[in-house]
Amino acid sequence: MYGALQKDLTERLAQIRADGLYKDERVITTPQGSLIAVKSGKEVINFCANNYLGLANNDAIREAAKKALDTWGYGLSSVRFICGTQALHKELEQAVSRFLGTDDTILFSSCFDANGAVFEPLMDADC
């Protein structure tokens, strides 16, 4: 049933590999840090992480995350726009605002969402 589609996808994938554009998944076997180990056991420098502040394994942050997990459960059922904002998010945004000396702060779950919130309203097709 999927023969033609499978053949087409196999050919496309082969071309992607031949062009040097195929990206193998790297399985990380250690906690995030400046050095990580991958599935082969090799230790490598982690240049591509969003953990540039090194907070992923900070003891105080891990304890706060455990406490929040016990209090709030594991995340929201969906994005804030759909399910709403928890008080914990507002507390963090207010703390960030105090730290930065700004009127307000909006936290985003990804750089993609933050970029969309900033650039889409400011730019149009002519930019």
PDB file of N, CA and C in Angstrom:
ATOM      1  N   MET A   1       0.821  -1.203   0.000  1.00  0.00           N
ATOM      2  CA  MET A   1       0.000   0.000   0.000  1.00  0.00           C
ATOM      3  C   MET A   1       0.863   1.265   0.000  1.00  0.00           C
ATOM      4  N   TYR A   2       1.947   1.245   0.752  1.00  0.00           N
ATOM      5  CA  TYR A   2       2.800   2.423   0.848  1.00  0.00           C
ATOM      6  C   TYR A   2       4.049   2.301  -0.015  1.00  0.00           C
ATOM      7  N   GLY A   3       4.056   1.361  -0.933  1.00  0.00           N
ATOM      8  CA  GLY A   3       5.238   1.073  -1.732  1.00  0.00           C
ATOM      9  C   GLY A   3       5.798   2.270  -2.469  1.00  0.00           C
ATOM     10  N   ALA A   4       4.942   2.997  -3.201  1.00  0.00           N
ATOM     11  CA  ALA A   4       5.416   4.145  -3.979  1.00  0.00           C
ATOM     12  C   ALA A   4       5.916   5.255  -3.064  1.00  0.00           C
ATOM     13  N   LEU A   5       5.181   5.509  -1.995  1.00  0.00           N
ATOM     14  CA  LEU A   5       5.596   6.542  -1.044  1.00  0.00           C
ATOM     15  C   LEU A   5       6.905   6.145  -0.371  1.00  0.00           C
ATOM     16  N   GLN A   6       6.990   4.894   0.053  1.00  0.00           N
ATOM     17  CA  GLN A   6       8.211   4.432   0.714  1.00  0.00           C
ATOM     18  C   GLN A   6       9.406   4.532  -0.230  1.00  0.00           C
ATOM     19  N   LYS A   7       9.211   4.175  -1.486  1.00  0.00           N
ATOM     20  CA  LYS A   7      10.288   4.259  -2.478  1.00  0.00           C
ATOM     21  C   LYS A   7      10.734   5.709  -2.653  1.00  0.00           C
ATOM     22  N   ASP A   8       9.757   6.611  -2.777  1.00  0.00           N
ATOM     23  CA  ASP A   8      10.074   8.029  -2.950  1.00  0.00           C
ATOM     24  C   ASP A   8      10.836   8.572  -1.738  1.00  0.00           C
ATOM     25  N   LEU A   9      10.359   8.256  -0.544  1.00  0.00           N
ATOM     26  CA  LEU A   9      11.016   8.750   0.666  1.00  0.00           C
ATOM     27  C   LEU A   9      12.415   8.164   0.821  1.00  0.00           C
ATOM     28  N   THR A  10      12.576   6.900   0.481  1.00  0.00           N
ATOM     29  CA  THR A  10      13.894   6.261   0.551  1.00  0.00           C
ATOM     30  C   THR A  10      14.873   6.943  -0.393  1.00  0.00           C
ATOM     31  N   GLU A  11      14.407   7.267  -1.600  1.00  0.00           N
ATOM     32  CA  GLU A  11      15.267   7.949  -2.571  1.00  0.00           C
ATOM     33  C   GLU A  11      15.631   9.353  -2.096  1.00  0.00           C
ATOM     34  N   ARG A  12      14.650  10.059  -1.558  1.00  0.00           N
ATOM     35  CA  ARG A  12      14.921  11.417  -1.057  1.00  0.00           C
ATOM     36  C   ARG A  12      15.918  11.385   0.102  1.00  0.00           C
ATOM     37  N   LEU A  13      15.724  10.434   0.989  1.00  0.00           N
ATOM     38  CA  LEU A  13      16.623  10.305   2.131  1.00  0.00           C
ATOM     39  C   LEU A  13      18.033   9.949   1.670  1.00  0.00           C
ATOM     40  N   ALA A  14      18.138   9.093   0.686  1.00  0.00           N
ATOM     41  CA  ALA A  14      19.455   8.738   0.141  1.00  0.00           C
ATOM     42  C   ALA A  14      20.134   9.971  -0.449  1.00  0.00           C
ATOM     43  N   GLN A  15      19.368  10.828  -1.116  1.00  0.00           N
ATOM     44  CA  GLN A  15      19.932  12.047  -1.692  1.00  0.00           C
ATOM     45  C   GLN A  15      20.381  13.014  -0.592  1.00  0.00           C
ATOM     46  N   ILE A  16      19.589  13.118   0.453  1.00  0.00           N
ATOM     47  CA  ILE A  16      19.958  13.972   1.588  1.00  0.00           C
ATOM     48  C   ILE A  16      21.274  13.488   2.198  1.00  0.00           C
ATOM     49  N   ARG A  17      21.407  12.179   2.352  1.00  0.00           N
ATOM     50  CA  ARG A  17      22.664  11.609   2.872  1.00  0.00           C
ATOM     51  C   ARG A  17      23.816  11.901   1.914  1.00  0.00           C
ATOM     52  N   ALA A  18      23.580  11.687   0.608  1.00  0.00           N
ATOM     53  CA  ALA A  18      24.629  11.911  -0.397  1.00  0.00           C
ATOM     54  C   ALA A  18      25.073  13.369  -0.417  1.00  0.00           C
ATOM     55  N   ASP A  19      24.151  14.286  -0.149  1.00  0.00           N
ATOM     56  CA  ASP A  19      24.466  15.718  -0.135  1.00  0.00           C
ATOM     57  C   ASP A  19      25.133  16.153   1.166  1.00  0.00           C
ATOM     58  N   GLY A  20      25.272  15.224   2.099  1.00  0.00           N
ATOM     59  CA  GLY A  20      25.902  15.551   3.376  1.00  0.00           C
ATOM     60  C   GLY A  20      25.001  16.337   4.308  1.00  0.00           C
ATOM     61  N   LEU A  21      23.689  16.258   4.096  1.00  0.00           N
ATOM     62  CA  LEU A  21      22.745  17.040   4.886  1.00  0.00           C
ATOM     63  C   LEU A  21      22.014  16.221   5.946  1.00  0.00           C
ATOM     64  N   TYR A  22      22.279  14.934   5.986  1.00  0.00           N
ATOM     65  CA  TYR A  22      21.609  14.077   6.960  1.00  0.00           C
ATOM     66  C   TYR A  22      22.235  14.296   8.332  1.00  0.00           C
ATOM     67  N   LYS A  23      21.401  14.388   9.336  1.00  0.00           N
ATOM     68  CA  LYS A  23      21.894  14.607  10.694  1.00  0.00           C
ATOM     69  C   LYS A  23      21.530  13.409  11.558  1.00  0.00           C
ATOM     70  N   ASP A  24      22.547  12.708  12.008  1.00  0.00           N
ATOM     71  CA  ASP A  24      22.321  11.595  12.922  1.00  0.00           C
ATOM     72  C   ASP A  24      21.945  12.131  14.292  1.00  0.00           C
ATOM     73  N   GLU A  25      21.076  11.417  14.966  1.00  0.00           N
ATOM     74  CA  GLU A  25      20.696  11.779  16.319  1.00  0.00           C
ATOM     75  C   GLU A  25      21.840  11.442  17.267  1.00  0.00           C
ATOM     76  N   ARG A  26      22.227  12.407  18.102  1.00  0.00           N
ATOM     77  CA  ARG A  26      23.255  12.177  19.108  1.00  0.00           C
ATOM     78  C   ARG A  26      22.579  11.846  20.427  1.00  0.00           C
ATOM     79  N   VAL A  27      22.809  10.665  20.930  1.00  0.00           N
ATOM     80  CA  VAL A  27      22.217  10.257  22.198  1.00  0.00           C
ATOM     81  C   VAL A  27      23.199  10.607  23.307  1.00  0.00           C
ATOM     82  N   ILE A  28      22.762  11.477  24.209  1.00  0.00           N
ATOM     83  CA  ILE A  28      23.591  11.927  25.329  1.00  0.00           C
ATOM     84  C   ILE A  28      23.307  11.015  26.513  1.00  0.00           C
ATOM     85  N   THR A  29      24.357  10.510  27.127  1.00  0.00           N
ATOM     86  CA  THR A  29      24.196   9.533  28.210  1.00  0.00           C
ATOM     87  C   THR A  29      24.552  10.085  29.586  1.00  0.00           C
ATOM     88  N   THR A  30      24.821  11.377  29.666  1.00  0.00           N
ATOM     89  CA  THR A  30      25.163  12.013  30.938  1.00  0.00           C
ATOM     90  C   THR A  30      24.290  13.241  31.140  1.00  0.00           C
ATOM     91  N   PRO A  31      24.250  13.778  32.359  1.00  0.00           N
ATOM     92  CA  PRO A  31      23.543  15.044  32.559  1.00  0.00           C
ATOM     93  C   PRO A  31      24.169  16.151  31.700  1.00  0.00           C
ATOM     94  N   GLN A  32      23.374  17.165  31.395  1.00  0.00           N
ATOM     95  CA  GLN A  32      23.857  18.290  30.606  1.00  0.00           C
ATOM     96  C   GLN A  32      24.934  19.042  31.368  1.00  0.00           C
ATOM     97  N   GLY A  33      25.957  19.428  30.671  1.00  0.00           N
ATOM     98  CA  GLY A  33      27.049  20.201  31.231  1.00  0.00           C
ATOM     99  C   GLY A  33      27.944  20.670  30.110  1.00  0.00           C
ATOM    100  N   SER A  34      29.046  21.307  30.442  1.00  0.00           N
ATOM    101  CA  SER A  34      29.965  21.751  29.395  1.00  0.00           C
ATOM    102  C   SER A  34      30.631  20.561  28.720  1.00  0.00           C
ATOM    103  N   LEU A  35      30.791  19.467  29.451  1.00  0.00           N
ATOM    104  CA  LEU A  35      31.261  18.203  28.884  1.00  0.00           C
ATOM    105  C   LEU A  35      30.140  17.183  29.023  1.00  0.00           C
ATOM    106  N   ILE A  36      29.888  16.441  27.965  1.00  0.00           N
ATOM    107  CA  ILE A  36      28.872  15.394  27.991  1.00  0.00           C
ATOM    108  C   ILE A  36      29.451  14.136  27.363  1.00  0.00           C
ATOM    109  N   ALA A  37      28.857  13.008  27.680  1.00  0.00           N
ATOM    110  CA  ALA A  37      29.227  11.752  27.024  1.00  0.00           C
ATOM    111  C   ALA A  37      28.100  11.361  26.082  1.00  0.00           C
ATOM    112  N   VAL A  38      28.480  10.832  24.935  1.00  0.00           N
ATOM    113  CA  VAL A  38      27.499  10.369  23.959  1.00  0.00           C
ATOM    114  C   VAL A  38      27.467   8.844  23.976  1.00  0.00           C
ATOM    115  N   LYS A  39      26.522   8.276  23.243  1.00  0.00           N
ATOM    116  CA  LYS A  39      26.266   6.837  23.290  1.00  0.00           C
ATOM    117  C   LYS A  39      27.519   5.988  23.072  1.00  0.00           C
ATOM    118  N   SER A  40      28.423   6.456  22.250  1.00  0.00           N
ATOM    119  CA  SER A  40      29.659   5.701  21.986  1.00  0.00           C
ATOM    120  C   SER A  40      30.582   5.666  23.200  1.00  0.00           C
ATOM    121  N   GLY A  41      30.280   6.495  24.215  1.00  0.00           N
ATOM    122  CA  GLY A  41      31.126   6.594  25.395  1.00  0.00           C
ATOM    123  C   GLY A  41      32.120   7.740  25.318  1.00  0.00           C
ATOM    124  N   LYS A  42      32.218   8.347  24.152  1.00  0.00           N
ATOM    125  CA  LYS A  42      33.150   9.457  23.955  1.00  0.00           C
ATOM    126  C   LYS A  42      32.661  10.689  24.714  1.00  0.00           C
ATOM    127  N   GLU A  43      33.600  11.376  25.382  1.00  0.00           N
ATOM    128  CA  GLU A  43      33.278  12.631  26.060  1.00  0.00           C
ATOM    129  C   GLU A  43      33.576  13.780  25.105  1.00  0.00           C
ATOM    130  N   VAL A  44      32.613  14.689  24.970  1.00  0.00           N
ATOM    131  CA  VAL A  44      32.749  15.796  24.026  1.00  0.00           C
ATOM    132  C   VAL A  44      32.381  17.112  24.708  1.00  0.00           C
ATOM    133  N   ILE A  45      32.866  18.206  24.150  1.00  0.00           N
ATOM    134  CA  ILE A  45      32.482  19.539  24.620  1.00  0.00           C
ATOM    135  C   ILE A  45      31.114  19.857  24.034  1.00  0.00           C
ATOM    136  N   ASN A  46      30.214  20.330  24.872  1.00  0.00           N
ATOM    137  CA  ASN A  46      28.837  20.593  24.469  1.00  0.00           C
ATOM    138  C   ASN A  46      28.692  22.053  24.030  1.00  0.00           C
ATOM    139  N   PHE A  47      28.970  22.322  22.756  1.00  0.00           N
ATOM    140  CA  PHE A  47      28.882  23.678  22.225  1.00  0.00           C
ATOM    141  C   PHE A  47      27.461  24.079  21.831  1.00  0.00           C
ATOM    142  N   CYS A  48      26.540  23.144  21.750  1.00  0.00           N
ATOM    143  CA  CYS A  48      25.246  23.434  21.130  1.00  0.00           C
ATOM    144  C   CYS A  48      24.076  23.478  22.109  1.00  0.00           C
ATOM    145  N   ALA A  49      24.316  23.523  23.399  1.00  0.00           N
ATOM    146  CA  ALA A  49      23.228  23.482  24.365  1.00  0.00           C
ATOM    147  C   ALA A  49      22.703  24.877  24.687  1.00  0.00           C
ATOM    148  N   ASN A  50      21.452  24.924  25.119  1.00  0.00           N
ATOM    149  CA  ASN A  50      20.887  26.164  25.647  1.00  0.00           C
ATOM    150  C   ASN A  50      21.291  26.370  27.102  1.00  0.00           C
ATOM    151  N   ASN A  51      22.036  25.456  27.660  1.00  0.00           N
ATOM    152  CA  ASN A  51      22.466  25.513  29.055  1.00  0.00           C
ATOM    153  C   ASN A  51      23.741  26.343  29.198  1.00  0.00           C
ATOM    154  N   TYR A  52      23.803  27.475  28.505  1.00  0.00           N
ATOM    155  CA  TYR A  52      25.025  28.281  28.491  1.00  0.00           C
ATOM    156  C   TYR A  52      25.352  28.896  29.844  1.00  0.00           C
ATOM    157  N   LEU A  53      24.394  28.982  30.746  1.00  0.00           N
ATOM    158  CA  LEU A  53      24.676  29.487  32.090  1.00  0.00           C
ATOM    159  C   LEU A  53      25.061  28.360  33.044  1.00  0.00           C
ATOM    160  N   GLY A  54      24.980  27.136  32.580  1.00  0.00           N
ATOM    161  CA  GLY A  54      25.361  25.997  33.405  1.00  0.00           C
ATOM    162  C   GLY A  54      24.407  25.713  34.550  1.00  0.00           C
ATOM    163  N   LEU A  55      23.141  26.059  34.382  1.00  0.00           N
ATOM    164  CA  LEU A  55      22.187  25.911  35.475  1.00  0.00           C
ATOM    165  C   LEU A  55      21.466  24.567  35.489  1.00  0.00           C
ATOM    166  N   ALA A  56      21.619  23.767  34.452  1.00  0.00           N
ATOM    167  CA  ALA A  56      20.868  22.514  34.357  1.00  0.00           C
ATOM    168  C   ALA A  56      21.144  21.575  35.526  1.00  0.00           C
ATOM    169  N   ASN A  57      22.329  21.640  36.087  1.00  0.00           N
ATOM    170  CA  ASN A  57      22.674  20.760  37.205  1.00  0.00           C
ATOM    171  C   ASN A  57      23.008  21.524  38.477  1.00  0.00           C
ATOM    172  N   ASN A  58      22.625  22.786  38.543  1.00  0.00           N
ATOM    173  CA  ASN A  58      22.843  23.586  39.739  1.00  0.00           C
ATOM    174  C   ASN A  58      21.988  23.023  40.879  1.00  0.00           C
ATOM    175  N   ASP A  59      22.606  22.751  42.019  1.00  0.00           N
ATOM    176  CA  ASP A  59      21.900  22.108  43.132  1.00  0.00           C
ATOM    177  C   ASP A  59      20.687  22.911  43.607  1.00  0.00           C
ATOM    178  N   ALA A  60      20.823  24.230  43.734  1.00  0.00           N
ATOM    179  CA  ALA A  60      19.708  25.060  44.208  1.00  0.00           C
ATOM    180  C   ALA A  60      18.552  25.028  43.213  1.00  0.00           C
ATOM    181  N   ILE A  61      18.868  25.065  41.930  1.00  0.00           N
ATOM    182  CA  ILE A  61      17.818  25.033  40.900  1.00  0.00           C
ATOM    183  C   ILE A  61      17.135  23.666  40.888  1.00  0.00           C
ATOM    184  N   ARG A  62      17.922  22.613  41.030  1.00  0.00           N
ATOM    185  CA  ARG A  62      17.331  21.269  41.050  1.00  0.00           C
ATOM    186  C   ARG A  62      16.405  21.101  42.253  1.00  0.00           C
ATOM    187  N   GLU A  63      16.796  21.617  43.402  1.00  0.00           N
ATOM    188  CA  GLU A  63      15.942  21.523  44.592  1.00  0.00           C
ATOM    189  C   GLU A  63      14.661  22.331  44.404  1.00  0.00           C
ATOM    190  N   ALA A  64      14.782  23.528  43.823  1.00  0.00           N
ATOM    191  CA  ALA A  64      13.591  24.340  43.562  1.00  0.00           C
ATOM    192  C   ALA A  64      12.665  23.633  42.578  1.00  0.00           C
ATOM    193  N   ALA A  65      13.233  22.983  41.579  1.00  0.00           N
ATOM    194  CA  ALA A  65      12.422  22.248  40.600  1.00  0.00           C
ATOM    195  C   ALA A  65      11.696  21.081  41.263  1.00  0.00           C
ATOM    196  N   LYS A  66      12.375  20.374  42.160  1.00  0.00           N
ATOM    197  CA  LYS A  66      11.740  19.264  42.879  1.00  0.00           C
ATOM    198  C   LYS A  66      10.580  19.769  43.736  1.00  0.00           C
ATOM    199  N   LYS A  67      10.812  20.886  44.411  1.00  0.00           N
ATOM    200  CA  LYS A  67       9.761  21.464  45.253  1.00  0.00           C
ATOM    201  C   LYS A  67       8.566  21.890  44.399  1.00  0.00           C
ATOM    202  N   ALA A  68       8.839  22.522  43.269  1.00  0.00           N
ATOM    203  CA  ALA A  68       7.760  22.945  42.374  1.00  0.00           C
ATOM    204  C   ALA A  68       7.009  21.739  41.824  1.00  0.00           C
ATOM    205  N   LEU A  69       7.716  20.676  41.512  1.00  0.00           N
ATOM    206  CA  LEU A  69       7.078  19.458  41.017  1.00  0.00           C
ATOM    207  C   LEU A  69       6.129  18.886  42.063  1.00  0.00           C
ATOM    208  N   ASP A  70       6.560  18.867  43.311  1.00  0.00           N
ATOM    209  CA  ASP A  70       5.705  18.364  44.386  1.00  0.00           C
ATOM    210  C   ASP A  70       4.489  19.260  44.604  1.00  0.00           C
ATOM    211  N   THR A  71       4.656  20.566  44.428  1.00  0.00           N
ATOM    212  CA  THR A  71       3.571  21.520  44.663  1.00  0.00           C
ATOM    213  C   THR A  71       2.620  21.627  43.479  1.00  0.00           C
ATOM    214  N   TRP A  72       3.176  21.750  42.274  1.00  0.00           N
ATOM    215  CA  TRP A  72       2.386  22.079  41.093  1.00  0.00           C
ATOM    216  C   TRP A  72       2.141  20.909  40.149  1.00  0.00           C
ATOM    217  N   GLY A  73       2.866  19.824  40.318  1.00  0.00           N
ATOM    218  CA  GLY A  73       2.764  18.727  39.357  1.00  0.00           C
ATOM    219  C   GLY A  73       3.682  18.978  38.180  1.00  0.00           C
ATOM    220  N   TYR A  74       3.554  18.141  37.170  1.00  0.00           N
ATOM    221  CA  TYR A  74       4.463  18.199  36.024  1.00  0.00           C
ATOM    222  C   TYR A  74       3.881  19.065  34.917  1.00  0.00           C
ATOM    223  N   GLY A  75       4.116  20.343  34.974  1.00  0.00           N
ATOM    224  CA  GLY A  75       3.765  21.261  33.900  1.00  0.00           C
ATOM    225  C   GLY A  75       2.279  21.484  33.715  1.00  0.00           C
ATOM    226  N   LEU A  76       1.991  22.330  32.743  1.00  0.00           N
ATOM    227  CA  LEU A  76       0.612  22.624  32.380  1.00  0.00           C
ATOM    228  C   LEU A  76       0.114  21.594  31.380  1.00  0.00           C
ATOM    229  N   SER A  77      -1.170  21.603  31.151  1.00  0.00           N
ATOM    230  CA  SER A  77      -1.750  20.700  30.163  1.00  0.00           C
ATOM    231  C   SER A  77      -1.517  21.187  28.746  1.00  0.00           C
ATOM    232  N   SER A  78      -1.178  22.457  28.612  1.00  0.00           N
ATOM    233  CA  SER A  78      -0.919  23.040  27.299  1.00  0.00           C
ATOM    234  C   SER A  78      -0.193  24.363  27.505  1.00  0.00           C
ATOM    235  N   VAL A  79      -0.059  25.130  26.447  1.00  0.00           N
ATOM    236  CA  VAL A  79       0.614  26.423  26.541  1.00  0.00           C
ATOM    237  C   VAL A  79      -0.228  27.408  27.346  1.00  0.00           C
ATOM    238  N   ARG A  80       0.398  28.442  27.833  1.00  0.00           N
ATOM    239  CA  ARG A  80      -0.274  29.422  28.690  1.00  0.00           C
ATOM    240  C   ARG A  80      -1.465  30.067  28.001  1.00  0.00           C
ATOM    241  N   PHE A  81      -1.344  30.304  26.712  1.00  0.00           N
ATOM    242  CA  PHE A  81      -2.415  30.956  25.963  1.00  0.00           C
ATOM    243  C   PHE A  81      -3.703  30.135  26.009  1.00  0.00           C
ATOM    244  N   ILE A  82      -3.575  28.832  26.073  1.00  0.00           N
ATOM    245  CA  ILE A  82      -4.746  27.957  26.069  1.00  0.00           C
ATOM    246  C   ILE A  82      -5.205  27.640  27.486  1.00  0.00           C
ATOM    247  N   CYS A  83      -4.292  27.183  28.340  1.00  0.00           N
ATOM    248  CA  CYS A  83      -4.664  26.703  29.679  1.00  0.00           C
ATOM    249  C   CYS A  83      -4.575  27.760  30.767  1.00  0.00           C
ATOM    250  N   GLY A  84      -3.919  28.853  30.487  1.00  0.00           N
ATOM    251  CA  GLY A  84      -3.750  29.875  31.502  1.00  0.00           C
ATOM    252  C   GLY A  84      -2.355  29.866  32.095  1.00  0.00           C
ATOM    253  N   THR A  85      -2.098  30.861  32.906  1.00  0.00           N
ATOM    254  CA  THR A  85      -0.793  31.045  33.528  1.00  0.00           C
ATOM    255  C   THR A  85      -0.888  30.682  34.998  1.00  0.00           C
ATOM    256  N   GLN A  86       0.028  29.872  35.482  1.00  0.00           N
ATOM    257  CA  GLN A  86       0.029  29.541  36.902  1.00  0.00           C
ATOM    258  C   GLN A  86       0.679  30.673  37.690  1.00  0.00           C
ATOM    259  N   ALA A  87       0.281  30.786  38.947  1.00  0.00           N
ATOM    260  CA  ALA A  87       0.815  31.829  39.822  1.00  0.00           C
ATOM    261  C   ALA A  87       2.340  31.749  39.900  1.00  0.00           C
ATOM    262  N   LEU A  88       2.881  30.551  39.845  1.00  0.00           N
ATOM    263  CA  LEU A  88       4.330  30.363  39.904  1.00  0.00           C
ATOM    264  C   LEU A  88       5.034  31.076  38.752  1.00  0.00           C
ATOM    265  N   HIS A  89       4.434  31.040  37.570  1.00  0.00           N
ATOM    266  CA  HIS A  89       5.018  31.740  36.421  1.00  0.00           C
ATOM    267  C   HIS A  89       5.026  33.249  36.654  1.00  0.00           C
ATOM    268  N   LYS A  90       3.927  33.772  37.191  1.00  0.00           N
ATOM    269  CA  LYS A  90       3.852  35.214  37.455  1.00  0.00           C
ATOM    270  C   LYS A  90       4.872  35.615  38.524  1.00  0.00           C
ATOM    271  N   GLU A  91       5.054  34.778  39.541  1.00  0.00           N
ATOM    272  CA  GLU A  91       6.051  35.073  40.575  1.00  0.00           C
ATOM    273  C   GLU A  91       7.448  35.156  39.965  1.00  0.00           C
ATOM    274  N   LEU A  92       7.768  34.223  39.087  1.00  0.00           N
ATOM    275  CA  LEU A  92       9.078  34.233  38.441  1.00  0.00           C
ATOM    276  C   LEU A  92       9.228  35.456  37.545  1.00  0.00           C
ATOM    277  N   GLU A  93       8.199  35.786  36.788  1.00  0.00           N
ATOM    278  CA  GLU A  93       8.271  36.967  35.919  1.00  0.00           C
ATOM    279  C   GLU A  93       8.472  38.237  36.737  1.00  0.00           C
ATOM    280  N   GLN A  94       7.793  38.340  37.868  1.00  0.00           N
ATOM    281  CA  GLN A  94       7.961  39.510  38.732  1.00  0.00           C
ATOM    282  C   GLN A  94       9.369  39.560  39.323  1.00  0.00           C
ATOM    283  N   ALA A  95       9.903  38.416  39.703  1.00  0.00           N
ATOM    284  CA  ALA A  95      11.273  38.372  40.240  1.00  0.00           C
ATOM    285  C   ALA A  95      12.282  38.783  39.173  1.00  0.00           C
ATOM    286  N   VAL A  96      12.083  38.326  37.952  1.00  0.00           N
ATOM    287  CA  VAL A  96      12.976  38.713  36.853  1.00  0.00           C
ATOM    288  C   VAL A  96      12.865  40.213  36.604  1.00  0.00           C
ATOM    289  N   SER A  97      11.654  40.754  36.632  1.00  0.00           N
ATOM    290  CA  SER A  97      11.462  42.197  36.439  1.00  0.00           C
ATOM    291  C   SER A  97      12.175  43.002  37.517  1.00  0.00           C
ATOM    292  N   ARG A  98      12.063  42.563  38.769  1.00  0.00           N
ATOM    293  CA  ARG A  98      12.766  43.263  39.854  1.00  0.00           C
ATOM    294  C   ARG A  98      14.275  43.208  39.627  1.00  0.00           C
ATOM    295  N   PHE A  99      14.772  42.048  39.256  1.00  0.00           N
ATOM    296  CA  PHE A  99      16.205  41.872  39.024  1.00  0.00           C
ATOM    297  C   PHE A  99      16.696  42.761  37.885  1.00  0.00           C
ATOM    298  N   LEU A 100      15.926  42.827  36.806  1.00  0.00           N
ATOM    299  CA  LEU A 100      16.327  43.612  35.635  1.00  0.00           C
ATOM    300  C   LEU A 100      15.947  45.086  35.734  1.00  0.00           C
ATOM    301  N   GLY A 101      15.069  45.423  36.695  1.00  0.00           N
ATOM    302  CA  GLY A 101      14.601  46.797  36.818  1.00  0.00           C
ATOM    303  C   GLY A 101      13.657  47.189  35.697  1.00  0.00           C
ATOM    304  N   THR A 102      12.843  46.244  35.234  1.00  0.00           N
ATOM    305  CA  THR A 102      11.895  46.512  34.148  1.00  0.00           C
ATOM    306  C   THR A 102      10.473  46.517  34.683  1.00  0.00           C
ATOM    307  N   ASP A 103       9.563  47.078  33.891  1.00  0.00           N
ATOM    308  CA  ASP A 103       8.159  47.129  34.292  1.00  0.00           C
ATOM    309  C   ASP A 103       7.512  45.748  34.314  1.00  0.00           C
ATOM    310  N   ASP A 104       7.885  44.916  33.373  1.00  0.00           N
ATOM    311  CA  ASP A 104       7.259  43.605  33.274  1.00  0.00           C
ATOM    312  C   ASP A 104       8.191  42.645  32.546  1.00  0.00           C
ATOM    313  N   THR A 105       7.884  41.389  32.625  1.00  0.00           N
ATOM    314  CA  THR A 105       8.652  40.332  31.970  1.00  0.00           C
ATOM    315  C   THR A 105       7.674  39.290  31.462  1.00  0.00           C
ATOM    316  N   ILE A 106       7.955  38.737  30.314  1.00  0.00           N
ATOM    317  CA  ILE A 106       7.184  37.614  29.795  1.00  0.00           C
ATOM    318  C   ILE A 106       8.153  36.464  29.564  1.00  0.00           C
ATOM    319  N   LEU A 107       7.866  35.319  30.157  1.00  0.00           N
ATOM    320  CA  LEU A 107       8.682  34.127  29.958  1.00  0.00           C
ATOM    321  C   LEU A 107       8.111  33.300  28.816  1.00  0.00           C
ATOM    322  N   PHE A 108       8.982  32.768  27.998  1.00  0.00           N
ATOM    323  CA  PHE A 108       8.583  31.898  26.897  1.00  0.00           C
ATOM    324  C   PHE A 108       9.244  30.544  27.084  1.00  0.00           C
ATOM    325  N   SER A 109       8.587  29.518  26.601  1.00  0.00           N
ATOM    326  CA  SER A 109       9.113  28.161  26.766  1.00  0.00           C
ATOM    327  C   SER A 109      10.199  27.821  25.760  1.00  0.00           C
ATOM    328  N   SER A 110      10.369  28.663  24.747  1.00  0.00           N
ATOM    329  CA  SER A 110      11.408  28.390  23.746  1.00  0.00           C
ATOM    330  C   SER A 110      11.833  29.688  23.074  1.00  0.00           C
ATOM    331  N   CYS A 111      13.023  29.667  22.491  1.00  0.00           N
ATOM    332  CA  CYS A 111      13.490  30.817  21.711  1.00  0.00           C
ATOM    333  C   CYS A 111      12.576  31.048  20.519  1.00  0.00           C
ATOM    334  N   PHE A 112      12.077  29.970  19.937  1.00  0.00           N
ATOM    335  CA  PHE A 112      11.167  30.070  18.793  1.00  0.00           C
ATOM    336  C   PHE A 112       9.949  30.915  19.156  1.00  0.00           C
ATOM    337  N   ASP A 113       9.334  30.624  20.304  1.00  0.00           N
ATOM    338  CA  ASP A 113       8.163  31.387  20.734  1.00  0.00           C
ATOM    339  C   ASP A 113       8.515  32.839  21.049  1.00  0.00           C
ATOM    340  N   ALA A 114       9.654  33.053  21.683  1.00  0.00           N
ATOM    341  CA  ALA A 114      10.077  34.418  22.005  1.00  0.00           C
ATOM    342  C   ALA A 114      10.308  35.223  20.731  1.00  0.00           C
ATOM    343  N   ASN A 115      10.980  34.626  19.756  1.00  0.00           N
ATOM    344  CA  ASN A 115      11.219  35.328  18.491  1.00  0.00           C
ATOM    345  C   ASN A 115       9.910  35.663  17.795  1.00  0.00           C
ATOM    346  N   GLY A 116       8.962  34.733  17.815  1.00  0.00           N
ATOM    347  CA  GLY A 116       7.662  34.998  17.207  1.00  0.00           C
ATOM    348  C   GLY A 116       6.942  36.143  17.898  1.00  0.00           C
ATOM    349  N   ALA A 117       7.037  36.206  19.216  1.00  0.00           N
ATOM    350  CA  ALA A 117       6.355  37.261  19.967  1.00  0.00           C
ATOM    351  C   ALA A 117       6.977  38.624  19.729  1.00  0.00           C
ATOM    352  N   VAL A 118       8.269  38.661  19.440  1.00  0.00           N
ATOM    353  CA  VAL A 118       8.955  39.937  19.221  1.00  0.00           C
ATOM    354  C   VAL A 118       8.881  40.364  17.763  1.00  0.00           C
ATOM    355  N   PHE A 119       9.285  39.479  16.876  1.00  0.00           N
ATOM    356  CA  PHE A 119       9.461  39.888  15.485  1.00  0.00           C
ATOM    357  C   PHE A 119       8.174  39.918  14.671  1.00  0.00           C
ATOM    358  N   GLU A 120       7.264  38.980  14.883  1.00  0.00           N
ATOM    359  CA  GLU A 120       6.047  38.953  14.077  1.00  0.00           C
ATOM    360  C   GLU A 120       5.221  40.235  14.201  1.00  0.00           C
ATOM    361  N   PRO A 121       5.028  40.782  15.412  1.00  0.00           N
ATOM    362  CA  PRO A 121       4.255  42.030  15.498  1.00  0.00           C
ATOM    363  C   PRO A 121       4.991  43.244  14.920  1.00  0.00           C
ATOM    364  N   LEU A 122       6.327  43.208  14.912  1.00  0.00           N
ATOM    365  CA  LEU A 122       7.104  44.363  14.473  1.00  0.00           C
ATOM    366  C   LEU A 122       7.418  44.367  12.986  1.00  0.00           C
ATOM    367  N   MET A 123       7.405  43.205  12.371  1.00  0.00           N
ATOM    368  CA  MET A 123       7.831  43.094  10.980  1.00  0.00           C
ATOM    369  C   MET A 123       6.646  42.759  10.083  1.00  0.00           C
ATOM    370  N   ASP A 124       6.768  43.173   8.841  1.00  0.00           N
ATOM    371  CA  ASP A 124       5.791  42.749   7.850  1.00  0.00           C
ATOM    372  C   ASP A 124       6.541  42.203   6.642  1.00  0.00           C
ATOM    373  N   ALA A 125       5.851  41.913   5.586  1.00  0.00           N
ATOM    374  CA  ALA A 125       6.471  41.287   4.412  1.00  0.00           C
ATOM    375  C   ALA A 125       7.544  42.169   3.783  1.00  0.00           C
ATOM    376  N   ASP A 126       7.510  43.475   4.028  1.00  0.00           N
ATOM    377  CA  ASP A 126       8.466  44.399   3.414  1.00  0.00           C
ATOM    378  C   ASP A 126       9.755  44.556   4.219  1.00  0.00           C
ATOM    379  N   CYS A 127       9.831  43.970   5.390  1.00  0.00           N
ATOM    380  CA  CYS A 127      11.030  44.126   6.232  1.00  0.00           C
ATOM    381  C   CYS A 127      12.143  43.228   5.792  1.00  0.00           C
TER     382      CYS A 127
END
